[in-house]
Amino acid sequence: MTEEESEKNYRSTLPGPLGVVDTWISKAEAVILAMGVILMAINTVANVVSRFVLGESLHFAEEVNRILIVMITFAGIGYAARHGRHIRMSAFYDALPTGARRWLMIFIALFTAIVMFTLCYYSIGYISTVQSRGRVLPSLSIPVWIIYLWVPVGFAVTGIQYLLTAFKNLTSRDVYLSTHVVDGYKDTETEV
């Protein structure tokens, strides 16, 4: 099964309501990321065509892409956490025995969740400040604070994902980078 098929048929391995939440968030992330990338591509191509055919760019294209970049970025951090794809420095970690790695992963996941929830809290304060200033996007006339609503959502989803990872490691004998990615290295070299 390819990674794309695996994501399409994603079912959480977590028990009960945690599994339902994990699966639902996974589906929502997939739709948001796919739609965001497709819309960005359509918007960019339409802008290029408009520039060459009409001799003038679409006045709203840059603002739409700005909205989509924020959305894709902050939906993507949760997606990366779900698939164990965040960058990590693991020299010390890799040298530990399995039990110690599992406890260190629990600590890392819990600490990262706390950081994500803290950033979520501060991003809500930032949005409140931007809202109080009344700024709007020049072409679309959308209040600027609305495009930043993705920031606390992304941080909250990522924090939830790291809490689920900590829970998975607490209830498993293996070491998990996320709720369904077991720690380890794949040998990607092939002889020709």
C-alpha atoms as a PDB file:
ATOM      1  CA  MET A   1       0.000   0.000   0.000  1.00  0.00           C
ATOM      2  CA  THR A   2       1.414   3.386  -0.971  1.00  0.00           C
ATOM      3  CA  GLU A   3       1.610   6.277   1.470  1.00  0.00           C
ATOM      4  CA  GLU A   4      -1.171   8.072  -0.447  1.00  0.00           C
ATOM      5  CA  GLU A   5      -3.491   5.052  -0.123  1.00  0.00           C
ATOM      6  CA  SER A   6      -2.543   4.757   3.539  1.00  0.00           C
ATOM      7  CA  GLU A   7      -3.568   8.387   4.164  1.00  0.00           C
ATOM      8  CA  LYS A   8      -6.804   8.002   2.198  1.00  0.00           C
ATOM      9  CA  ASN A   9      -7.838   4.988   4.302  1.00  0.00           C
ATOM     10  CA  TYR A  10      -6.431   6.320   7.587  1.00  0.00           C
ATOM     11  CA  ARG A  11      -7.962   4.755  10.674  1.00  0.00           C
ATOM     12  CA  SER A  12      -6.578   5.630  14.058  1.00  0.00           C
ATOM     13  CA  THR A  13      -5.112   2.885  16.206  1.00  0.00           C
ATOM     14  CA  LEU A  14      -6.114   4.735  19.362  1.00  0.00           C
ATOM     15  CA  PRO A  15      -8.963   3.307  21.445  1.00  0.00           C
ATOM     16  CA  GLY A  16     -12.508   4.700  21.661  1.00  0.00           C
ATOM     17  CA  PRO A  17     -13.177   8.431  21.428  1.00  0.00           C
ATOM     18  CA  LEU A  18      -9.469   9.235  20.997  1.00  0.00           C
ATOM     19  CA  GLY A  19      -9.436   7.186  17.807  1.00  0.00           C
ATOM     20  CA  VAL A  20     -12.551   8.943  16.532  1.00  0.00           C
ATOM     21  CA  VAL A  21     -10.995  12.385  17.193  1.00  0.00           C
ATOM     22  CA  ASP A  22      -7.704  11.323  15.581  1.00  0.00           C
ATOM     23  CA  THR A  23      -9.445   9.958  12.472  1.00  0.00           C
ATOM     24  CA  TRP A  24     -11.697  13.021  12.132  1.00  0.00           C
ATOM     25  CA  ILE A  25      -8.764  15.438  12.437  1.00  0.00           C
ATOM     26  CA  SER A  26      -6.835  13.410   9.853  1.00  0.00           C
ATOM     27  CA  LYS A  27      -9.695  13.640   7.329  1.00  0.00           C
ATOM     28  CA  ALA A  28     -10.155  17.374   7.941  1.00  0.00           C
ATOM     29  CA  GLU A  29      -6.410  18.029   7.512  1.00  0.00           C
ATOM     30  CA  ALA A  30      -6.339  16.065   4.254  1.00  0.00           C
ATOM     31  CA  VAL A  31      -9.267  18.055   2.809  1.00  0.00           C
ATOM     32  CA  ILE A  32      -7.877  21.423   3.963  1.00  0.00           C
ATOM     33  CA  LEU A  33      -4.399  20.739   2.585  1.00  0.00           C
ATOM     34  CA  ALA A  34      -5.637  19.343  -0.731  1.00  0.00           C
ATOM     35  CA  MET A  35      -8.133  22.162  -1.278  1.00  0.00           C
ATOM     36  CA  GLY A  36      -5.590  24.792  -0.254  1.00  0.00           C
ATOM     37  CA  VAL A  37      -2.921  23.574  -2.667  1.00  0.00           C
ATOM     38  CA  ILE A  38      -5.406  23.172  -5.528  1.00  0.00           C
ATOM     39  CA  LEU A  39      -6.909  26.621  -4.962  1.00  0.00           C
ATOM     40  CA  MET A  40      -3.454  28.187  -4.769  1.00  0.00           C
ATOM     41  CA  ALA A  41      -2.463  26.559  -8.050  1.00  0.00           C
ATOM     42  CA  ILE A  42      -5.689  27.680  -9.767  1.00  0.00           C
ATOM     43  CA  ASN A  43      -5.303  31.219  -8.428  1.00  0.00           C
ATOM     44  CA  THR A  44      -1.667  31.464  -9.515  1.00  0.00           C
ATOM     45  CA  VAL A  45      -2.341  30.079 -13.010  1.00  0.00           C
ATOM     46  CA  ALA A  46      -5.340  32.407 -13.417  1.00  0.00           C
ATOM     47  CA  ASN A  47      -3.161  35.352 -12.402  1.00  0.00           C
ATOM     48  CA  VAL A  48      -0.456  34.424 -14.936  1.00  0.00           C
ATOM     49  CA  VAL A  49      -3.012  33.943 -17.722  1.00  0.00           C
ATOM     50  CA  SER A  50      -4.653  37.251 -16.849  1.00  0.00           C
ATOM     51  CA  ARG A  51      -1.300  39.022 -16.921  1.00  0.00           C
ATOM     52  CA  PHE A  52      -0.424  37.686 -20.389  1.00  0.00           C
ATOM     53  CA  VAL A  53      -3.894  37.773 -21.993  1.00  0.00           C
ATOM     54  CA  LEU A  54      -5.305  40.948 -20.456  1.00  0.00           C
ATOM     55  CA  GLY A  55      -1.999  42.635 -19.699  1.00  0.00           C
ATOM     56  CA  GLU A  56      -3.000  43.064 -16.062  1.00  0.00           C
ATOM     57  CA  SER A  57      -2.701  40.866 -12.985  1.00  0.00           C
ATOM     58  CA  LEU A  58      -5.702  39.939 -10.889  1.00  0.00           C
ATOM     59  CA  HIS A  59      -5.754  42.516  -8.121  1.00  0.00           C
ATOM     60  CA  PHE A  60      -6.796  39.987  -5.477  1.00  0.00           C
ATOM     61  CA  ALA A  61      -4.470  37.100  -6.406  1.00  0.00           C
ATOM     62  CA  GLU A  62      -1.695  37.973  -3.957  1.00  0.00           C
ATOM     63  CA  GLU A  63      -4.130  38.308  -1.061  1.00  0.00           C
ATOM     64  CA  VAL A  64      -5.824  34.998  -1.849  1.00  0.00           C
ATOM     65  CA  ASN A  65      -2.434  33.265  -1.941  1.00  0.00           C
ATOM     66  CA  ARG A  66      -1.508  34.906   1.348  1.00  0.00           C
ATOM     67  CA  ILE A  67      -4.669  33.486   2.955  1.00  0.00           C
ATOM     68  CA  LEU A  68      -3.984  30.053   1.475  1.00  0.00           C
ATOM     69  CA  ILE A  69      -0.335  30.028   2.605  1.00  0.00           C
ATOM     70  CA  VAL A  70      -1.363  30.721   6.196  1.00  0.00           C
ATOM     71  CA  MET A  71      -4.042  28.021   5.983  1.00  0.00           C
ATOM     72  CA  ILE A  72      -1.727  25.404   4.420  1.00  0.00           C
ATOM     73  CA  THR A  73       1.131  26.150   6.815  1.00  0.00           C
ATOM     74  CA  PHE A  74      -0.891  25.802   9.984  1.00  0.00           C
ATOM     75  CA  ALA A  75      -2.939  22.831   8.779  1.00  0.00           C
ATOM     76  CA  GLY A  76       0.354  21.279   7.670  1.00  0.00           C
ATOM     77  CA  ILE A  77       2.035  21.357  11.087  1.00  0.00           C
ATOM     78  CA  GLY A  78      -0.606  19.016  12.474  1.00  0.00           C
ATOM     79  CA  TYR A  79      -0.274  16.796   9.407  1.00  0.00           C
ATOM     80  CA  ALA A  80       3.509  16.616   9.861  1.00  0.00           C
ATOM     81  CA  ALA A  81       3.076  15.728  13.537  1.00  0.00           C
ATOM     82  CA  ARG A  82       0.560  12.987  12.641  1.00  0.00           C
ATOM     83  CA  HIS A  83       3.047  11.403  10.250  1.00  0.00           C
ATOM     84  CA  GLY A  84       6.148  11.849  12.437  1.00  0.00           C
ATOM     85  CA  ARG A  85       7.722  14.168   9.856  1.00  0.00           C
ATOM     86  CA  HIS A  86       8.958  17.047  11.992  1.00  0.00           C
ATOM     87  CA  ILE A  87      12.710  17.536  11.975  1.00  0.00           C
ATOM     88  CA  ARG A  88      14.463  16.048  14.959  1.00  0.00           C
ATOM     89  CA  MET A  89      17.997  15.828  16.269  1.00  0.00           C
ATOM     90  CA  SER A  90      18.265  12.246  17.395  1.00  0.00           C
ATOM     91  CA  ALA A  91      21.916  11.309  18.007  1.00  0.00           C
ATOM     92  CA  PHE A  92      21.490  11.078  21.801  1.00  0.00           C
ATOM     93  CA  TYR A  93      17.992   9.632  21.467  1.00  0.00           C
ATOM     94  CA  ASP A  94      19.103   6.882  19.043  1.00  0.00           C
ATOM     95  CA  ALA A  95      21.837   5.743  21.430  1.00  0.00           C
ATOM     96  CA  LEU A  96      19.304   4.977  24.187  1.00  0.00           C
ATOM     97  CA  PRO A  97      17.694   1.573  24.750  1.00  0.00           C
ATOM     98  CA  THR A  98      14.059   1.143  23.680  1.00  0.00           C
ATOM     99  CA  GLY A  99      12.532   1.751  27.121  1.00  0.00           C
ATOM    100  CA  ALA A 100      14.466   4.980  27.645  1.00  0.00           C
ATOM    101  CA  ARG A 101      13.626   6.150  24.103  1.00  0.00           C
ATOM    102  CA  ARG A 102       9.937   5.552  24.780  1.00  0.00           C
ATOM    103  CA  TRP A 103      10.020   7.620  28.003  1.00  0.00           C
ATOM    104  CA  LEU A 104      12.028  10.353  26.298  1.00  0.00           C
ATOM    105  CA  MET A 105       9.481  10.379  23.448  1.00  0.00           C
ATOM    106  CA  ILE A 106       6.666  10.739  25.999  1.00  0.00           C
ATOM    107  CA  PHE A 107       8.488  13.701  27.553  1.00  0.00           C
ATOM    108  CA  ILE A 108       9.185  15.253  24.119  1.00  0.00           C
ATOM    109  CA  ALA A 109       5.565  14.802  23.024  1.00  0.00           C
ATOM    110  CA  LEU A 110       4.175  16.293  26.242  1.00  0.00           C
ATOM    111  CA  PHE A 111       6.626  19.200  26.204  1.00  0.00           C
ATOM    112  CA  THR A 112       5.871  19.907  22.540  1.00  0.00           C
ATOM    113  CA  ALA A 113       2.119  19.774  23.268  1.00  0.00           C
ATOM    114  CA  ILE A 114       2.584  22.358  26.034  1.00  0.00           C
ATOM    115  CA  VAL A 115       4.560  24.584  23.651  1.00  0.00           C
ATOM    116  CA  MET A 116       1.858  24.241  20.962  1.00  0.00           C
ATOM    117  CA  PHE A 117      -0.950  25.099  23.397  1.00  0.00           C
ATOM    118  CA  THR A 118       1.070  28.070  24.702  1.00  0.00           C
ATOM    119  CA  LEU A 119       1.576  29.325  21.139  1.00  0.00           C
ATOM    120  CA  CYS A 120      -2.146  28.797  20.544  1.00  0.00           C
ATOM    121  CA  TYR A 121      -2.928  30.988  23.557  1.00  0.00           C
ATOM    122  CA  TYR A 122      -0.575  33.771  22.452  1.00  0.00           C
ATOM    123  CA  SER A 123      -1.809  33.617  18.861  1.00  0.00           C
ATOM    124  CA  ILE A 124      -5.353  34.227  20.102  1.00  0.00           C
ATOM    125  CA  GLY A 125      -4.056  37.353  21.869  1.00  0.00           C
ATOM    126  CA  TYR A 126      -2.355  38.451  18.650  1.00  0.00           C
ATOM    127  CA  ILE A 127      -5.556  37.957  16.672  1.00  0.00           C
ATOM    128  CA  SER A 128      -7.424  40.024  19.260  1.00  0.00           C
ATOM    129  CA  THR A 129      -4.880  42.831  18.855  1.00  0.00           C
ATOM    130  CA  VAL A 130      -5.097  42.731  15.055  1.00  0.00           C
ATOM    131  CA  GLN A 131      -8.901  42.733  15.257  1.00  0.00           C
ATOM    132  CA  SER A 132      -8.918  45.790  17.543  1.00  0.00           C
ATOM    133  CA  ARG A 133      -6.879  47.720  14.969  1.00  0.00           C
ATOM    134  CA  GLY A 134      -9.530  47.167  12.286  1.00  0.00           C
ATOM    135  CA  ARG A 135      -7.141  46.406   9.414  1.00  0.00           C
ATOM    136  CA  VAL A 136      -8.630  44.959   6.216  1.00  0.00           C
ATOM    137  CA  LEU A 137      -7.097  43.442   3.101  1.00  0.00           C
ATOM    138  CA  PRO A 138      -7.040  46.187   0.433  1.00  0.00           C
ATOM    139  CA  SER A 139      -8.485  44.208  -2.497  1.00  0.00           C
ATOM    140  CA  LEU A 140     -10.817  41.737  -0.790  1.00  0.00           C
ATOM    141  CA  SER A 141     -11.849  44.019   2.093  1.00  0.00           C
ATOM    142  CA  ILE A 142     -11.680  41.042   4.467  1.00  0.00           C
ATOM    143  CA  PRO A 143     -10.594  41.872   8.017  1.00  0.00           C
ATOM    144  CA  VAL A 144      -6.974  40.754   8.426  1.00  0.00           C
ATOM    145  CA  TRP A 145      -7.662  38.964  11.712  1.00  0.00           C
ATOM    146  CA  ILE A 146      -9.878  36.410   9.926  1.00  0.00           C
ATOM    147  CA  ILE A 147      -6.982  34.995   7.890  1.00  0.00           C
ATOM    148  CA  TYR A 148      -5.016  34.408  11.091  1.00  0.00           C
ATOM    149  CA  LEU A 149      -7.727  32.212  12.645  1.00  0.00           C
ATOM    150  CA  TRP A 150      -5.872  29.247  11.146  1.00  0.00           C
ATOM    151  CA  VAL A 151      -2.899  29.907  13.435  1.00  0.00           C
ATOM    152  CA  PRO A 152      -4.468  28.938  16.792  1.00  0.00           C
ATOM    153  CA  VAL A 153      -6.400  26.127  15.096  1.00  0.00           C
ATOM    154  CA  GLY A 154      -3.151  24.703  13.687  1.00  0.00           C
ATOM    155  CA  PHE A 155      -1.334  25.015  17.012  1.00  0.00           C
ATOM    156  CA  ALA A 156      -4.261  23.403  18.882  1.00  0.00           C
ATOM    157  CA  VAL A 157      -4.507  20.479  16.437  1.00  0.00           C
ATOM    158  CA  THR A 158      -0.749  19.950  16.626  1.00  0.00           C
ATOM    159  CA  GLY A 159      -0.882  20.057  20.439  1.00  0.00           C
ATOM    160  CA  ILE A 160      -3.676  17.476  20.402  1.00  0.00           C
ATOM    161  CA  GLN A 161      -1.645  15.302  18.039  1.00  0.00           C
ATOM    162  CA  TYR A 162       1.361  15.395  20.381  1.00  0.00           C
ATOM    163  CA  LEU A 163      -0.857  14.548  23.372  1.00  0.00           C
ATOM    164  CA  LEU A 164      -2.191  11.559  21.420  1.00  0.00           C
ATOM    165  CA  THR A 165       1.404  10.550  20.617  1.00  0.00           C
ATOM    166  CA  ALA A 166       2.303  10.674  24.314  1.00  0.00           C
ATOM    167  CA  PHE A 167      -0.758   8.552  25.105  1.00  0.00           C
ATOM    168  CA  LYS A 168       0.170   6.038  22.382  1.00  0.00           C
ATOM    169  CA  ASN A 169       3.668   5.709  23.858  1.00  0.00           C
ATOM    170  CA  LEU A 170       2.263   5.312  27.369  1.00  0.00           C
ATOM    171  CA  THR A 171       0.040   2.432  26.255  1.00  0.00           C
ATOM    172  CA  SER A 172       2.461   0.652  23.919  1.00  0.00           C
ATOM    173  CA  ARG A 173       5.660  -1.334  24.225  1.00  0.00           C
ATOM    174  CA  ASP A 174       7.039   0.149  20.993  1.00  0.00           C
ATOM    175  CA  VAL A 175       8.289   3.700  20.511  1.00  0.00           C
ATOM    176  CA  TYR A 176       5.987   5.842  18.349  1.00  0.00           C
ATOM    177  CA  LEU A 177       6.878   9.124  16.614  1.00  0.00           C
ATOM    178  CA  SER A 178       3.154   9.729  16.139  1.00  0.00           C
ATOM    179  CA  THR A 179       0.014   7.740  16.768  1.00  0.00           C
ATOM    180  CA  HIS A 180       0.761   5.340  13.907  1.00  0.00           C
ATOM    181  CA  VAL A 181       4.434   5.822  12.991  1.00  0.00           C
ATOM    182  CA  VAL A 182       6.783   3.452  14.808  1.00  0.00           C
ATOM    183  CA  ASP A 183      10.248   4.845  15.501  1.00  0.00           C
ATOM    184  CA  GLY A 184      12.983   3.391  13.327  1.00  0.00           C
ATOM    185  CA  TYR A 185      14.901   3.840  10.139  1.00  0.00           C
ATOM    186  CA  LYS A 186      14.105   2.363   6.776  1.00  0.00           C
ATOM    187  CA  ASP A 187      16.983   1.279   4.592  1.00  0.00           C
ATOM    188  CA  THR A 188      16.295   3.338   1.496  1.00  0.00           C
ATOM    189  CA  GLU A 189      19.451   2.420  -0.396  1.00  0.00           C
ATOM    190  CA  THR A 190      19.151  -0.147  -3.134  1.00  0.00           C
ATOM    191  CA  GLU A 191      21.912  -1.756  -5.073  1.00  0.00           C
ATOM    192  CA  VAL A 192      21.877  -1.276  -8.804  1.00  0.00           C
END
